[in-house]
PDB file of N, CA and C in Angstrom:
ATOM      1  N   MET A   1      -3.057  16.816   7.972  1.00  0.00           N
ATOM      2  CA  MET A   1      -1.837  17.285   7.279  1.00  0.00           C
ATOM      3  C   MET A   1      -1.977  18.506   6.697  1.00  0.00           C
ATOM      4  N   SER A   2      -1.205  19.527   7.010  1.00  0.00           N
ATOM      5  CA  SER A   2      -1.321  20.597   6.296  1.00  0.00           C
ATOM      6  C   SER A   2      -0.681  21.037   4.844  1.00  0.00           C
ATOM      7  N   ARG A   3      -1.376  21.805   4.139  1.00  0.00           N
ATOM      8  CA  ARG A   3      -1.325  22.111   2.849  1.00  0.00           C
ATOM      9  C   ARG A   3       0.241  22.477   2.468  1.00  0.00           C
ATOM     10  N   GLY A   4       0.854  23.000   3.608  1.00  0.00           N
ATOM     11  CA  GLY A   4       2.395  23.478   3.533  1.00  0.00           C
ATOM     12  C   GLY A   4       3.368  22.240   3.513  1.00  0.00           C
ATOM     13  N   ASP A   5       2.801  21.066   3.578  1.00  0.00           N
ATOM     14  CA  ASP A   5       3.816  19.793   3.646  1.00  0.00           C
ATOM     15  C   ASP A   5       3.941  19.485   2.244  1.00  0.00           C
ATOM     16  N   PRO A   6       5.381  19.437   2.030  1.00  0.00           N
ATOM     17  CA  PRO A   6       5.861  19.211   0.603  1.00  0.00           C
ATOM     18  C   PRO A   6       5.509  17.927   0.089  1.00  0.00           C
ATOM     19  N   VAL A   7       5.196  16.777   0.902  1.00  0.00           N
ATOM     20  CA  VAL A   7       4.864  15.591   0.634  1.00  0.00           C
ATOM     21  C   VAL A   7       3.486  15.498   0.007  1.00  0.00           C
ATOM     22  N   ILE A   8       2.670  16.352   0.354  1.00  0.00           N
ATOM     23  CA  ILE A   8       1.133  16.412   0.136  1.00  0.00           C
ATOM     24  C   ILE A   8       0.998  16.260  -1.602  1.00  0.00           C
ATOM     25  N   PRO A   9       1.620  17.111  -2.462  1.00  0.00           N
ATOM     26  CA  PRO A   9       1.265  16.816  -3.916  1.00  0.00           C
ATOM     27  C   PRO A   9       1.717  15.663  -4.405  1.00  0.00           C
ATOM     28  N   LEU A  10       2.732  14.990  -3.762  1.00  0.00           N
ATOM     29  CA  LEU A  10       3.200  13.608  -4.325  1.00  0.00           C
ATOM     30  C   LEU A  10       2.138  12.557  -3.802  1.00  0.00           C
ATOM     31  N   ILE A  11       1.549  12.658  -2.672  1.00  0.00           N
ATOM     32  CA  ILE A  11       0.551  11.884  -2.328  1.00  0.00           C
ATOM     33  C   ILE A  11      -0.754  11.945  -2.683  1.00  0.00           C
ATOM     34  N   ASP A  12      -1.085  13.181  -2.877  1.00  0.00           N
ATOM     35  CA  ASP A  12      -2.368  13.577  -3.541  1.00  0.00           C
ATOM     36  C   ASP A  12      -2.579  12.910  -4.833  1.00  0.00           C
ATOM     37  N   SER A  13      -1.497  12.909  -5.625  1.00  0.00           N
ATOM     38  CA  SER A  13      -1.483  12.244  -6.996  1.00  0.00           C
ATOM     39  C   SER A  13      -1.859  10.817  -6.895  1.00  0.00           C
ATOM     40  N   LEU A  14      -1.722  10.075  -5.809  1.00  0.00           N
ATOM     41  CA  LEU A  14      -1.960   8.785  -5.574  1.00  0.00           C
ATOM     42  C   LEU A  14      -3.377   8.519  -5.171  1.00  0.00           C
ATOM     43  N   LEU A  15      -4.177   9.403  -4.450  1.00  0.00           N
ATOM     44  CA  LEU A  15      -5.347   9.336  -3.964  1.00  0.00           C
ATOM     45  C   LEU A  15      -6.321   8.671  -5.080  1.00  0.00           C
ATOM     46  N   GLY A  16      -7.207   7.848  -4.696  1.00  0.00           N
ATOM     47  CA  GLY A  16      -8.024   7.010  -5.685  1.00  0.00           C
ATOM     48  C   GLY A  16      -7.460   5.891  -6.286  1.00  0.00           C
ATOM     49  N   GLN A  17      -6.140   5.882  -6.185  1.00  0.00           N
ATOM     50  CA  GLN A  17      -5.341   4.738  -7.181  1.00  0.00           C
ATOM     51  C   GLN A  17      -5.015   3.691  -6.158  1.00  0.00           C
ATOM     52  N   VAL A  18      -4.950   2.331  -6.806  1.00  0.00           N
ATOM     53  CA  VAL A  18      -4.421   1.227  -6.207  1.00  0.00           C
ATOM     54  C   VAL A  18      -2.944   1.305  -5.915  1.00  0.00           C
ATOM     55  N   VAL A  19      -2.571   1.136  -4.666  1.00  0.00           N
ATOM     56  CA  VAL A  19      -1.030   1.468  -4.206  1.00  0.00           C
ATOM     57  C   VAL A  19      -0.648   0.129  -3.456  1.00  0.00           C
ATOM     58  N   VAL A  20       0.786  -0.047  -3.267  1.00  0.00           N
ATOM     59  CA  VAL A  20       1.433  -0.969  -2.591  1.00  0.00           C
ATOM     60  C   VAL A  20       2.172  -0.162  -1.456  1.00  0.00           C
ATOM     61  N   LEU A  21       1.838  -0.505  -0.194  1.00  0.00           N
ATOM     62  CA  LEU A  21       2.592   0.119   0.910  1.00  0.00           C
ATOM     63  C   LEU A  21       3.491  -0.995   1.412  1.00  0.00           C
ATOM     64  N   ASP A  22       4.673  -0.697   1.376  1.00  0.00           N
ATOM     65  CA  ASP A  22       5.996  -1.653   1.856  1.00  0.00           C
ATOM     66  C   ASP A  22       6.136  -0.995   3.411  1.00  0.00           C
ATOM     67  N   LEU A  23       6.059  -2.144   4.314  1.00  0.00           N
ATOM     68  CA  LEU A  23       6.106  -1.601   5.616  1.00  0.00           C
ATOM     69  C   LEU A  23       7.277  -2.066   6.434  1.00  0.00           C
ATOM     70  N   THR A  24       7.481  -1.262   7.577  1.00  0.00           N
ATOM     71  CA  THR A  24       8.887  -1.685   8.185  1.00  0.00           C
ATOM     72  C   THR A  24       8.847  -2.945   8.698  1.00  0.00           C
ATOM     73  N   SER A  25       7.728  -3.627   9.027  1.00  0.00           N
ATOM     74  CA  SER A  25       7.273  -4.716   9.591  1.00  0.00           C
ATOM     75  C   SER A  25       7.351  -5.836   8.513  1.00  0.00           C
ATOM     76  N   ARG A  26       6.908  -7.296   8.866  1.00  0.00           N
ATOM     77  CA  ARG A  26       6.986  -8.092   7.764  1.00  0.00           C
ATOM     78  C   ARG A  26       5.408  -8.017   7.160  1.00  0.00           C
ATOM     79  N   TYR A  27       4.895  -7.014   7.095  1.00  0.00           N
ATOM     80  CA  TYR A  27       3.857  -6.803   6.315  1.00  0.00           C
ATOM     81  C   TYR A  27       3.848  -6.023   4.953  1.00  0.00           C
ATOM     82  N   VAL A  28       2.996  -6.128   4.192  1.00  0.00           N
ATOM     83  CA  VAL A  28       2.830  -5.500   2.930  1.00  0.00           C
ATOM     84  C   VAL A  28       1.165  -5.201   2.744  1.00  0.00           C
ATOM     85  N   CYS A  29       0.895  -4.039   2.319  1.00  0.00           N
ATOM     86  CA  CYS A  29      -0.540  -3.764   2.242  1.00  0.00           C
ATOM     87  C   CYS A  29      -0.753  -3.119   0.635  1.00  0.00           C
ATOM     88  N   LEU A  30      -1.818  -3.730   0.150  1.00  0.00           N
ATOM     89  CA  LEU A  30      -2.045  -3.340  -1.262  1.00  0.00           C
ATOM     90  C   LEU A  30      -3.682  -3.103  -1.002  1.00  0.00           C
ATOM     91  N   GLY A  31      -4.000  -1.910  -1.760  1.00  0.00           N
ATOM     92  CA  GLY A  31      -5.335  -1.512  -1.875  1.00  0.00           C
ATOM     93  C   GLY A  31      -5.460  -0.001  -2.542  1.00  0.00           C
ATOM     94  N   THR A  32      -6.786   0.505  -2.558  1.00  0.00           N
ATOM     95  CA  THR A  32      -7.114   1.762  -3.090  1.00  0.00           C
ATOM     96  C   THR A  32      -6.774   2.796  -1.933  1.00  0.00           C
ATOM     97  N   LEU A  33      -6.027   3.739  -2.317  1.00  0.00           N
ATOM     98  CA  LEU A  33      -5.636   4.851  -1.220  1.00  0.00           C
ATOM     99  C   LEU A  33      -6.731   5.777  -1.414  1.00  0.00           C
ATOM    100  N   GLU A  34      -7.337   5.860  -0.156  1.00  0.00           N
ATOM    101  CA  GLU A  34      -8.566   6.574   0.038  1.00  0.00           C
ATOM    102  C   GLU A  34      -8.295   7.959   0.741  1.00  0.00           C
ATOM    103  N   ARG A  35      -7.418   8.068   1.623  1.00  0.00           N
ATOM    104  CA  ARG A  35      -7.157   9.199   2.327  1.00  0.00           C
ATOM    105  C   ARG A  35      -5.729   9.069   3.054  1.00  0.00           C
ATOM    106  N   VAL A  36      -5.306  10.344   3.289  1.00  0.00           N
ATOM    107  CA  VAL A  36      -3.898  10.426   4.113  1.00  0.00           C
ATOM    108  C   VAL A  36      -4.094  11.441   5.046  1.00  0.00           C
ATOM    109  N   ASP A  37      -3.617  11.336   6.462  1.00  0.00           N
ATOM    110  CA  ASP A  37      -3.801  12.475   7.304  1.00  0.00           C
ATOM    111  C   ASP A  37      -2.363  12.306   7.991  1.00  0.00           C
ATOM    112  N   GLU A  38      -2.083  13.293   9.099  1.00  0.00           N
ATOM    113  CA  GLU A  38      -0.968  13.268   9.754  1.00  0.00           C
ATOM    114  C   GLU A  38      -0.417  11.841  10.259  1.00  0.00           C
ATOM    115  N   ALA A  39      -1.385  10.989  10.502  1.00  0.00           N
ATOM    116  CA  ALA A  39      -0.927   9.742  11.150  1.00  0.00           C
ATOM    117  C   ALA A  39      -1.187   8.414  10.233  1.00  0.00           C
ATOM    118  N   PHE A  40      -2.255   8.573   9.460  1.00  0.00           N
ATOM    119  CA  PHE A  40      -2.434   7.322   8.714  1.00  0.00           C
ATOM    120  C   PHE A  40      -2.624   7.428   7.230  1.00  0.00           C
ATOM    121  N   PHE A  41      -2.407   6.271   6.489  1.00  0.00           N
ATOM    122  CA  PHE A  41      -2.803   5.987   5.220  1.00  0.00           C
ATOM    123  C   PHE A  41      -4.207   5.386   5.312  1.00  0.00           C
ATOM    124  N   VAL A  42      -5.163   5.668   4.649  1.00  0.00           N
ATOM    125  CA  VAL A  42      -6.367   4.868   4.611  1.00  0.00           C
ATOM    126  C   VAL A  42      -6.557   4.186   3.298  1.00  0.00           C
ATOM    127  N   LEU A  43      -6.656   2.868   3.352  1.00  0.00           N
ATOM    128  CA  LEU A  43      -6.783   2.144   2.104  1.00  0.00           C
ATOM    129  C   LEU A  43      -8.203   1.271   2.129  1.00  0.00           C
ATOM    130  N   THR A  44      -8.910   1.175   0.985  1.00  0.00           N
ATOM    131  CA  THR A  44      -9.987   0.355   0.854  1.00  0.00           C
ATOM    132  C   THR A  44      -9.811  -0.793   0.096  1.00  0.00           C
ATOM    133  N   ASP A  45     -10.776  -1.809  -0.061  1.00  0.00           N
ATOM    134  CA  ASP A  45     -10.563  -2.963  -0.726  1.00  0.00           C
ATOM    135  C   ASP A  45      -9.080  -3.266  -0.862  1.00  0.00           C
ATOM    136  N   ALA A  46      -8.569  -3.693   0.463  1.00  0.00           N
ATOM    137  CA  ALA A  46      -7.233  -3.756   0.658  1.00  0.00           C
ATOM    138  C   ALA A  46      -6.883  -5.356   1.039  1.00  0.00           C
ATOM    139  N   ASP A  47      -5.616  -5.720   0.891  1.00  0.00           N
ATOM    140  CA  ASP A  47      -4.994  -6.855   1.165  1.00  0.00           C
ATOM    141  C   ASP A  47      -3.885  -6.467   2.144  1.00  0.00           C
ATOM    142  N   LEU A  48      -4.108  -6.839   3.486  1.00  0.00           N
ATOM    143  CA  LEU A  48      -2.918  -6.569   4.409  1.00  0.00           C
ATOM    144  C   LEU A  48      -2.448  -8.028   4.748  1.00  0.00           C
ATOM    145  N   HIS A  49      -1.245  -8.060   4.149  1.00  0.00           N
ATOM    146  CA  HIS A  49      -0.565  -9.511   4.200  1.00  0.00           C
ATOM    147  C   HIS A  49       0.670  -9.544   5.083  1.00  0.00           C
ATOM    148  N   ASP A  50       0.555 -10.615   5.979  1.00  0.00           N
ATOM    149  CA  ASP A  50       1.698 -10.977   6.718  1.00  0.00           C
ATOM    150  C   ASP A  50       2.619 -11.970   6.006  1.00  0.00           C
ATOM    151  N   LEU A  51       3.712 -11.536   5.876  1.00  0.00           N
ATOM    152  CA  LEU A  51       4.723 -12.291   5.004  1.00  0.00           C
ATOM    153  C   LEU A  51       5.227 -13.648   5.662  1.00  0.00           C
ATOM    154  N   ARG A  52       5.025 -13.597   6.937  1.00  0.00           N
ATOM    155  CA  ARG A  52       5.330 -14.873   7.964  1.00  0.00           C
ATOM    156  C   ARG A  52       4.321 -15.852   7.627  1.00  0.00           C
ATOM    157  N   ASP A  53       3.293 -15.655   6.843  1.00  0.00           N
ATOM    158  CA  ASP A  53       2.100 -16.623   6.566  1.00  0.00           C
ATOM    159  C   ASP A  53       2.567 -17.477   5.304  1.00  0.00           C
ATOM    160  N   GLY A  54       3.540 -17.276   4.741  1.00  0.00           N
ATOM    161  CA  GLY A  54       4.031 -18.046   3.530  1.00  0.00           C
ATOM    162  C   GLY A  54       5.304 -18.018   3.474  1.00  0.00           C
ATOM    163  N   GLN A  55       5.757 -18.561   2.212  1.00  0.00           N
ATOM    164  CA  GLN A  55       7.085 -18.844   1.744  1.00  0.00           C
ATOM    165  C   GLN A  55       7.579 -17.461   0.733  1.00  0.00           C
ATOM    166  N   ALA A  56       6.680 -16.798   0.208  1.00  0.00           N
ATOM    167  CA  ALA A  56       6.955 -15.867  -0.583  1.00  0.00           C
ATOM    168  C   ALA A  56       7.555 -14.795  -0.071  1.00  0.00           C
ATOM    169  N   THR A  57       8.518 -14.224  -0.760  1.00  0.00           N
ATOM    170  CA  THR A  57       9.500 -12.869  -0.259  1.00  0.00           C
ATOM    171  C   THR A  57       8.399 -11.657  -0.821  1.00  0.00           C
ATOM    172  N   ARG A  58       8.514 -10.617  -0.148  1.00  0.00           N
ATOM    173  CA  ARG A  58       7.674  -9.422  -0.469  1.00  0.00           C
ATOM    174  C   ARG A  58       7.654  -9.143  -1.928  1.00  0.00           C
ATOM    175  N   GLU A  59       8.655  -9.250  -2.537  1.00  0.00           N
ATOM    176  CA  GLU A  59       8.786  -8.968  -4.036  1.00  0.00           C
ATOM    177  C   GLU A  59       7.889  -9.902  -4.818  1.00  0.00           C
ATOM    178  N   ILE A  60       8.031 -11.148  -4.461  1.00  0.00           N
ATOM    179  CA  ILE A  60       7.285 -12.295  -5.233  1.00  0.00           C
ATOM    180  C   ILE A  60       5.716 -12.206  -4.922  1.00  0.00           C
ATOM    181  N   TYR A  61       5.356 -11.820  -3.532  1.00  0.00           N
ATOM    182  CA  TYR A  61       3.928 -11.711  -3.129  1.00  0.00           C
ATOM    183  C   TYR A  61       3.316 -10.640  -3.984  1.00  0.00           C
ATOM    184  N   ILE A  62       4.118  -9.425  -4.141  1.00  0.00           N
ATOM    185  CA  ILE A  62       3.593  -8.337  -4.756  1.00  0.00           C
ATOM    186  C   ILE A  62       3.621  -8.701  -6.350  1.00  0.00           C
ATOM    187  N   TYR A  63       4.388  -9.368  -6.928  1.00  0.00           N
ATOM    188  CA  TYR A  63       4.496  -9.786  -8.186  1.00  0.00           C
ATOM    189  C   TYR A  63       3.269 -10.616  -8.719  1.00  0.00           C
ATOM    190  N   ASP A  64       3.102 -11.661  -7.778  1.00  0.00           N
ATOM    191  CA  ASP A  64       1.834 -12.483  -7.814  1.00  0.00           C
ATOM    192  C   ASP A  64       0.605 -11.805  -7.805  1.00  0.00           C
ATOM    193  N   SER A  65       0.740 -10.842  -6.954  1.00  0.00           N
ATOM    194  CA  SER A  65      -0.767  -9.949  -6.869  1.00  0.00           C
ATOM    195  C   SER A  65      -0.866  -9.177  -8.115  1.00  0.00           C
ATOM    196  N   VAL A  66       0.125  -8.542  -8.926  1.00  0.00           N
ATOM    197  CA  VAL A  66       0.059  -8.115 -10.049  1.00  0.00           C
ATOM    198  C   VAL A  66      -0.475  -9.122 -10.946  1.00  0.00           C
ATOM    199  N   ARG A  67      -0.040 -10.171 -11.136  1.00  0.00           N
ATOM    200  CA  ARG A  67      -0.526 -11.333 -12.146  1.00  0.00           C
ATOM    201  C   ARG A  67      -1.758 -11.721 -11.846  1.00  0.00           C
ATOM    202  N   LEU A  68      -2.180 -12.150 -10.476  1.00  0.00           N
ATOM    203  CA  LEU A  68      -3.286 -12.864 -10.250  1.00  0.00           C
ATOM    204  C   LEU A  68      -4.413 -12.077  -9.679  1.00  0.00           C
ATOM    205  N   GLY A  69      -4.126 -10.737  -9.202  1.00  0.00           N
ATOM    206  CA  GLY A  69      -5.118  -9.792  -8.680  1.00  0.00           C
ATOM    207  C   GLY A  69      -4.863  -9.754  -7.259  1.00  0.00           C
ATOM    208  N   ILE A  70      -5.361  -8.712  -6.531  1.00  0.00           N
ATOM    209  CA  ILE A  70      -5.333  -8.384  -5.217  1.00  0.00           C
ATOM    210  C   ILE A  70      -6.214  -9.285  -4.389  1.00  0.00           C
ATOM    211  N   ARG A  71      -5.641  -9.956  -3.438  1.00  0.00           N
ATOM    212  CA  ARG A  71      -6.473 -10.842  -2.459  1.00  0.00           C
ATOM    213  C   ARG A  71      -7.077 -10.011  -1.498  1.00  0.00           C
ATOM    214  N   ARG A  72      -8.277  -9.515  -1.566  1.00  0.00           N
ATOM    215  CA  ARG A  72      -8.786  -8.338  -0.525  1.00  0.00           C
ATOM    216  C   ARG A  72      -9.352  -9.094   0.500  1.00  0.00           C
ATOM    217  N   ASN A  73      -8.816  -8.646   1.704  1.00  0.00           N
ATOM    218  CA  ASN A  73      -9.207  -9.216   2.929  1.00  0.00           C
ATOM    219  C   ASN A  73      -9.467  -8.183   3.909  1.00  0.00           C
ATOM    220  N   ARG A  74      -9.784  -6.904   3.560  1.00  0.00           N
ATOM    221  CA  ARG A  74      -9.998  -5.952   4.528  1.00  0.00           C
ATOM    222  C   ARG A  74     -10.886  -4.746   3.613  1.00  0.00           C
ATOM    223  N   ALA A  75     -12.130  -4.478   4.132  1.00  0.00           N
ATOM    224  CA  ALA A  75     -12.836  -3.510   3.434  1.00  0.00           C
ATOM    225  C   ALA A  75     -12.204  -2.164   3.379  1.00  0.00           C
ATOM    226  N   ARG A  76     -11.640  -1.859   4.527  1.00  0.00           N
ATOM    227  CA  ARG A  76     -10.938  -0.434   4.937  1.00  0.00           C
ATOM    228  C   ARG A  76      -9.916  -0.841   6.130  1.00  0.00           C
ATOM    229  N   VAL A  77      -8.714  -0.356   5.880  1.00  0.00           N
ATOM    230  CA  VAL A  77      -7.457  -0.445   6.631  1.00  0.00           C
ATOM    231  C   VAL A  77      -6.829   0.706   6.945  1.00  0.00           C
ATOM    232  N   LEU A  78      -6.553   1.090   8.180  1.00  0.00           N
ATOM    233  CA  LEU A  78      -5.729   2.377   8.360  1.00  0.00           C
ATOM    234  C   LEU A  78      -4.289   1.733   8.868  1.00  0.00           C
ATOM    235  N   VAL A  79      -3.250   2.356   7.878  1.00  0.00           N
ATOM    236  CA  VAL A  79      -1.862   2.146   8.312  1.00  0.00           C
ATOM    237  C   VAL A  79      -1.109   3.283   8.573  1.00  0.00           C
ATOM    238  N   ARG A  80      -0.376   3.060   9.806  1.00  0.00           N
ATOM    239  CA  ARG A  80       0.430   4.227  10.321  1.00  0.00           C
ATOM    240  C   ARG A  80       1.556   4.671   9.459  1.00  0.00           C
ATOM    241  N   ARG A  81       1.400   6.074   9.175  1.00  0.00           N
ATOM    242  CA  ARG A  81       2.405   6.553   8.286  1.00  0.00           C
ATOM    243  C   ARG A  81       3.814   6.194   8.423  1.00  0.00           C
ATOM    244  N   ASP A  82       4.134   6.171   9.977  1.00  0.00           N
ATOM    245  CA  ASP A  82       5.528   5.831  10.464  1.00  0.00           C
ATOM    246  C   ASP A  82       6.018   4.387  10.183  1.00  0.00           C
ATOM    247  N   GLU A  83       4.942   3.680   9.734  1.00  0.00           N
ATOM    248  CA  GLU A  83       5.489   2.297   9.487  1.00  0.00           C
ATOM    249  C   GLU A  83       5.557   2.113   7.968  1.00  0.00           C
ATOM    250  N   VAL A  84       5.521   2.941   7.224  1.00  0.00           N
ATOM    251  CA  VAL A  84       5.449   2.890   5.681  1.00  0.00           C
ATOM    252  C   VAL A  84       7.074   3.224   5.278  1.00  0.00           C
ATOM    253  N   VAL A  85       7.580   2.251   4.527  1.00  0.00           N
ATOM    254  CA  VAL A  85       8.863   2.608   4.066  1.00  0.00           C
ATOM    255  C   VAL A  85       8.855   3.119   2.740  1.00  0.00           C
ATOM    256  N   ALA A  86       7.782   2.728   1.925  1.00  0.00           N
ATOM    257  CA  ALA A  86       7.691   3.113   0.518  1.00  0.00           C
ATOM    258  C   ALA A  86       6.304   2.865  -0.124  1.00  0.00           C
ATOM    259  N   ILE A  87       5.955   3.653  -0.806  1.00  0.00           N
ATOM    260  CA  ILE A  87       4.528   3.663  -1.623  1.00  0.00           C
ATOM    261  C   ILE A  87       4.637   3.800  -2.964  1.00  0.00           C
ATOM    262  N   ALA A  88       4.011   2.729  -3.712  1.00  0.00           N
ATOM    263  CA  ALA A  88       3.971   2.735  -5.191  1.00  0.00           C
ATOM    264  C   ALA A  88       2.812   2.508  -5.799  1.00  0.00           C
ATOM    265  N   ARG A  89       2.432   3.142  -7.021  1.00  0.00           N
ATOM    266  CA  ARG A  89       1.165   2.725  -7.683  1.00  0.00           C
ATOM    267  C   ARG A  89       1.399   1.420  -8.005  1.00  0.00           C
ATOM    268  N   PHE A  90       0.097   0.533  -8.003  1.00  0.00           N
ATOM    269  CA  PHE A  90       0.266  -0.742  -8.169  1.00  0.00           C
ATOM    270  C   PHE A  90       0.418  -0.868  -9.903  1.00  0.00           C
ATOM    271  N   LEU A  91      -0.127  -0.109 -10.745  1.00  0.00           N
ATOM    272  CA  LEU A  91       0.173  -0.066 -12.107  1.00  0.00           C
ATOM    273  C   LEU A  91       1.654   0.147 -12.475  1.00  0.00           C
ATOM    274  N   ASP A  92       2.410   0.492 -11.473  1.00  0.00           N
ATOM    275  CA  ASP A  92       3.732   0.834 -11.895  1.00  0.00           C
ATOM    276  C   ASP A  92       4.675  -0.402 -11.457  1.00  0.00           C
ATOM    277  N   ILE A  93       4.211  -1.524 -11.109  1.00  0.00           N
ATOM    278  CA  ILE A  93       4.705  -2.534 -10.528  1.00  0.00           C
ATOM    279  C   ILE A  93       5.118  -3.311 -11.992  1.00  0.00           C
ATOM    280  N   ALA A  94       6.413  -3.773 -12.049  1.00  0.00           N
ATOM    281  CA  ALA A  94       6.820  -4.287 -13.403  1.00  0.00           C
ATOM    282  C   ALA A  94       6.408  -5.771 -13.332  1.00  0.00           C
ATOM    283  N   GLU A  95       5.895  -6.415 -14.545  1.00  0.00           N
ATOM    284  CA  GLU A  95       5.396  -7.834 -14.491  1.00  0.00           C
ATOM    285  C   GLU A  95       6.507  -8.544 -15.039  1.00  0.00           C
ATOM    286  N   ASP A  96       7.609  -8.106 -15.457  1.00  0.00           N
ATOM    287  CA  ASP A  96       8.672  -8.942 -16.046  1.00  0.00           C
ATOM    288  C   ASP A  96      10.052  -8.429 -15.603  1.00  0.00           C
TER     289      ASP A  96
END
């Protein structure tokens, strides 16, 4: 990703922080944002969760992760940028 990309300062501010990636599919990914390039978000200590595996909605799963902690199931995961709908700092998720 070139430094001329206007998104870089926004994403750079999230590097090293725990984030939530909402994906276009029935997946959600939570973890520490390690790196971003033209094609991928790289997260470490991540939870890549298929929402079809349970009854919880995306919002409830994320809320439960805030309350109970992230259920890490990947040491490192690459998530395609074109699959990401939204990115948020984990600390910005409201508990109530």
